[in-house]
């Protein structure tokens, strides 16, 4: 589980928007940029090149 204090400080490096923690997928999701940043070994990888592009269905499910 990701620390809630850490989560409240993190923003998308592309849009500076707030992130949604998807615990089952171990990702931090930014609806604004359409990117999902992986969490590896409990550490968020906040690099655009490491992020996964969300499908349109995924974007809509987070709204």
N, C-alpha and C. Protein backbone atom coordinates (compact mmCIF):
# COMPACT_ATOMS: atom_id res chain seq x y z
N UNK A 1 0.85 -1.19 0.00
CA UNK A 1 0.00 0.00 0.00
C UNK A 1 0.89 1.24 0.00
N UNK A 2 0.49 2.21 -0.75
CA UNK A 2 1.24 3.46 -0.88
C UNK A 2 0.85 4.40 0.27
N UNK A 3 1.84 5.05 0.85
CA UNK A 3 1.62 5.99 1.95
C UNK A 3 0.73 7.15 1.47
N UNK A 4 -0.34 7.42 2.20
CA UNK A 4 -1.29 8.47 1.81
C UNK A 4 -0.66 9.86 1.83
N UNK A 5 0.28 10.09 2.73
CA UNK A 5 0.95 11.38 2.78
C UNK A 5 1.78 11.60 1.51
N UNK A 6 2.48 10.54 1.08
CA UNK A 6 3.25 10.62 -0.16
C UNK A 6 2.32 10.84 -1.35
N UNK A 7 1.23 10.11 -1.39
CA UNK A 7 0.27 10.24 -2.49
C UNK A 7 -0.27 11.67 -2.59
N UNK A 8 -0.50 12.31 -1.47
CA UNK A 8 -1.03 13.68 -1.50
C UNK A 8 -0.02 14.69 -2.05
N UNK A 9 1.25 14.34 -2.05
CA UNK A 9 2.30 15.24 -2.54
C UNK A 9 2.63 15.04 -4.02
N UNK A 10 2.33 13.86 -4.54
CA UNK A 10 2.70 13.54 -5.92
C UNK A 10 1.69 14.11 -6.92
N UNK A 11 2.21 14.60 -8.03
CA UNK A 11 1.38 15.06 -9.14
C UNK A 11 1.97 14.49 -10.43
N UNK A 12 1.17 14.52 -11.48
CA UNK A 12 1.64 14.06 -12.78
C UNK A 12 2.77 14.99 -13.26
N UNK A 13 3.89 14.43 -13.68
CA UNK A 13 4.99 15.27 -14.15
C UNK A 13 4.69 15.97 -15.48
N UNK A 14 3.70 15.50 -16.20
CA UNK A 14 3.34 16.09 -17.49
C UNK A 14 2.35 17.24 -17.31
N UNK A 15 1.27 17.00 -16.56
CA UNK A 15 0.20 17.99 -16.44
C UNK A 15 0.13 18.67 -15.08
N UNK A 16 0.84 18.14 -14.10
CA UNK A 16 0.80 18.63 -12.71
C UNK A 16 -0.55 18.39 -12.06
N UNK A 17 -1.36 17.50 -12.62
CA UNK A 17 -2.67 17.16 -12.07
C UNK A 17 -2.51 16.12 -10.96
N UNK A 18 -3.53 16.03 -10.11
CA UNK A 18 -3.53 15.03 -9.05
C UNK A 18 -3.61 13.63 -9.64
N UNK A 19 -3.13 12.67 -8.87
CA UNK A 19 -3.08 11.28 -9.32
C UNK A 19 -4.08 10.43 -8.54
N UNK A 20 -4.55 9.38 -9.18
CA UNK A 20 -5.44 8.41 -8.56
C UNK A 20 -4.64 7.13 -8.34
N UNK A 21 -4.68 6.63 -7.11
CA UNK A 21 -3.95 5.40 -6.77
C UNK A 21 -4.82 4.20 -7.12
N UNK A 22 -4.36 3.40 -8.06
CA UNK A 22 -5.04 2.16 -8.44
C UNK A 22 -4.28 1.02 -7.77
N UNK A 23 -4.73 0.65 -6.58
CA UNK A 23 -4.00 -0.34 -5.79
C UNK A 23 -3.90 -1.71 -6.47
N UNK A 24 -5.00 -2.25 -7.05
CA UNK A 24 -4.87 -3.57 -7.68
C UNK A 24 -3.84 -3.61 -8.82
N UNK A 25 -3.75 -2.52 -9.58
CA UNK A 25 -2.82 -2.48 -10.70
C UNK A 25 -1.44 -1.95 -10.30
N UNK A 26 -1.33 -1.44 -9.07
CA UNK A 26 -0.10 -0.81 -8.59
C UNK A 26 0.38 0.27 -9.55
N UNK A 27 -0.53 1.24 -9.79
CA UNK A 27 -0.25 2.36 -10.68
C UNK A 27 -0.82 3.64 -10.08
N UNK A 28 -0.21 4.75 -10.48
CA UNK A 28 -0.75 6.08 -10.20
C UNK A 28 -1.26 6.61 -11.53
N UNK A 29 -2.54 6.94 -11.58
CA UNK A 29 -3.21 7.29 -12.82
C UNK A 29 -3.47 8.79 -12.89
N UNK A 30 -3.18 9.36 -14.05
CA UNK A 30 -3.51 10.76 -14.33
C UNK A 30 -4.50 10.78 -15.49
N UNK A 31 -5.72 11.14 -15.19
CA UNK A 31 -6.75 11.20 -16.23
C UNK A 31 -6.44 12.32 -17.22
N UNK A 32 -5.92 13.44 -16.73
CA UNK A 32 -5.64 14.59 -17.58
C UNK A 32 -4.65 14.28 -18.69
N UNK A 33 -3.60 13.54 -18.36
CA UNK A 33 -2.59 13.20 -19.38
C UNK A 33 -2.87 11.85 -20.04
N UNK A 34 -3.74 11.05 -19.40
CA UNK A 34 -4.03 9.73 -19.94
C UNK A 34 -2.89 8.74 -19.73
N UNK A 35 -2.13 8.95 -18.64
CA UNK A 35 -0.98 8.08 -18.36
C UNK A 35 -1.14 7.40 -17.01
N UNK A 36 -0.59 6.20 -16.90
CA UNK A 36 -0.55 5.45 -15.66
C UNK A 36 0.90 5.15 -15.33
N UNK A 37 1.34 5.66 -14.18
CA UNK A 37 2.72 5.49 -13.74
C UNK A 37 2.83 4.26 -12.85
N UNK A 38 3.78 3.38 -13.12
CA UNK A 38 3.89 2.15 -12.33
C UNK A 38 4.46 2.41 -10.93
N UNK A 39 4.11 1.52 -10.02
CA UNK A 39 4.71 1.51 -8.68
C UNK A 39 5.48 0.20 -8.60
N UNK A 40 6.78 0.30 -8.45
CA UNK A 40 7.64 -0.88 -8.40
C UNK A 40 8.31 -0.98 -7.04
N UNK A 41 8.12 -2.10 -6.38
CA UNK A 41 8.69 -2.32 -5.04
C UNK A 41 8.31 -1.19 -4.09
N UNK A 42 7.08 -0.69 -4.21
CA UNK A 42 6.59 0.36 -3.34
C UNK A 42 7.04 1.76 -3.70
N UNK A 43 7.74 1.92 -4.83
CA UNK A 43 8.27 3.22 -5.24
C UNK A 43 7.60 3.66 -6.55
N UNK A 44 6.93 4.82 -6.54
CA UNK A 44 6.33 5.32 -7.78
C UNK A 44 7.41 5.72 -8.79
N UNK A 45 7.24 5.27 -10.02
CA UNK A 45 8.17 5.60 -11.10
C UNK A 45 7.51 6.71 -11.91
N UNK A 46 7.88 7.94 -11.62
CA UNK A 46 7.21 9.11 -12.18
C UNK A 46 7.92 9.63 -13.42
N UNK A 47 8.21 8.76 -14.34
CA UNK A 47 8.87 9.11 -15.59
C UNK A 47 7.90 8.89 -16.74
N UNK A 48 7.75 9.89 -17.59
CA UNK A 48 6.81 9.79 -18.71
C UNK A 48 7.13 8.59 -19.60
N UNK A 49 8.41 8.30 -19.80
CA UNK A 49 8.82 7.19 -20.64
C UNK A 49 8.49 5.82 -20.06
N UNK A 50 8.25 5.75 -18.76
CA UNK A 50 7.89 4.50 -18.09
C UNK A 50 6.39 4.33 -17.95
N UNK A 51 5.63 5.38 -18.23
CA UNK A 51 4.18 5.36 -18.04
C UNK A 51 3.49 4.60 -19.16
N UNK A 52 2.33 4.06 -18.80
CA UNK A 52 1.48 3.34 -19.75
C UNK A 52 0.37 4.26 -20.18
N UNK A 53 0.05 4.26 -21.47
CA UNK A 53 -1.05 5.09 -22.00
C UNK A 53 -2.37 4.38 -21.70
N UNK A 54 -3.30 5.14 -21.13
CA UNK A 54 -4.62 4.60 -20.80
C UNK A 54 -5.49 4.52 -22.05
N UNK A 55 -6.31 3.50 -22.11
CA UNK A 55 -7.30 3.42 -23.18
C UNK A 55 -8.43 4.39 -22.86
N UNK A 56 -9.26 4.69 -23.83
CA UNK A 56 -10.40 5.60 -23.62
C UNK A 56 -11.33 5.04 -22.55
N UNK A 57 -11.55 3.74 -22.55
CA UNK A 57 -12.42 3.11 -21.55
C UNK A 57 -11.84 3.28 -20.16
N UNK A 58 -10.52 3.12 -20.03
CA UNK A 58 -9.89 3.29 -18.73
C UNK A 58 -10.03 4.73 -18.23
N UNK A 59 -9.82 5.69 -19.12
CA UNK A 59 -9.95 7.10 -18.73
C UNK A 59 -11.35 7.37 -18.18
N UNK A 60 -12.35 6.87 -18.87
CA UNK A 60 -13.73 7.09 -18.45
C UNK A 60 -14.05 6.41 -17.12
N UNK A 61 -13.43 5.27 -16.87
CA UNK A 61 -13.71 4.55 -15.62
C UNK A 61 -13.16 5.26 -14.40
N UNK A 62 -12.18 6.14 -14.56
CA UNK A 62 -11.58 6.87 -13.43
C UNK A 62 -12.28 8.18 -13.15
N UNK A 63 -13.17 8.61 -14.03
CA UNK A 63 -13.86 9.90 -13.82
C UNK A 63 -14.93 9.79 -12.77
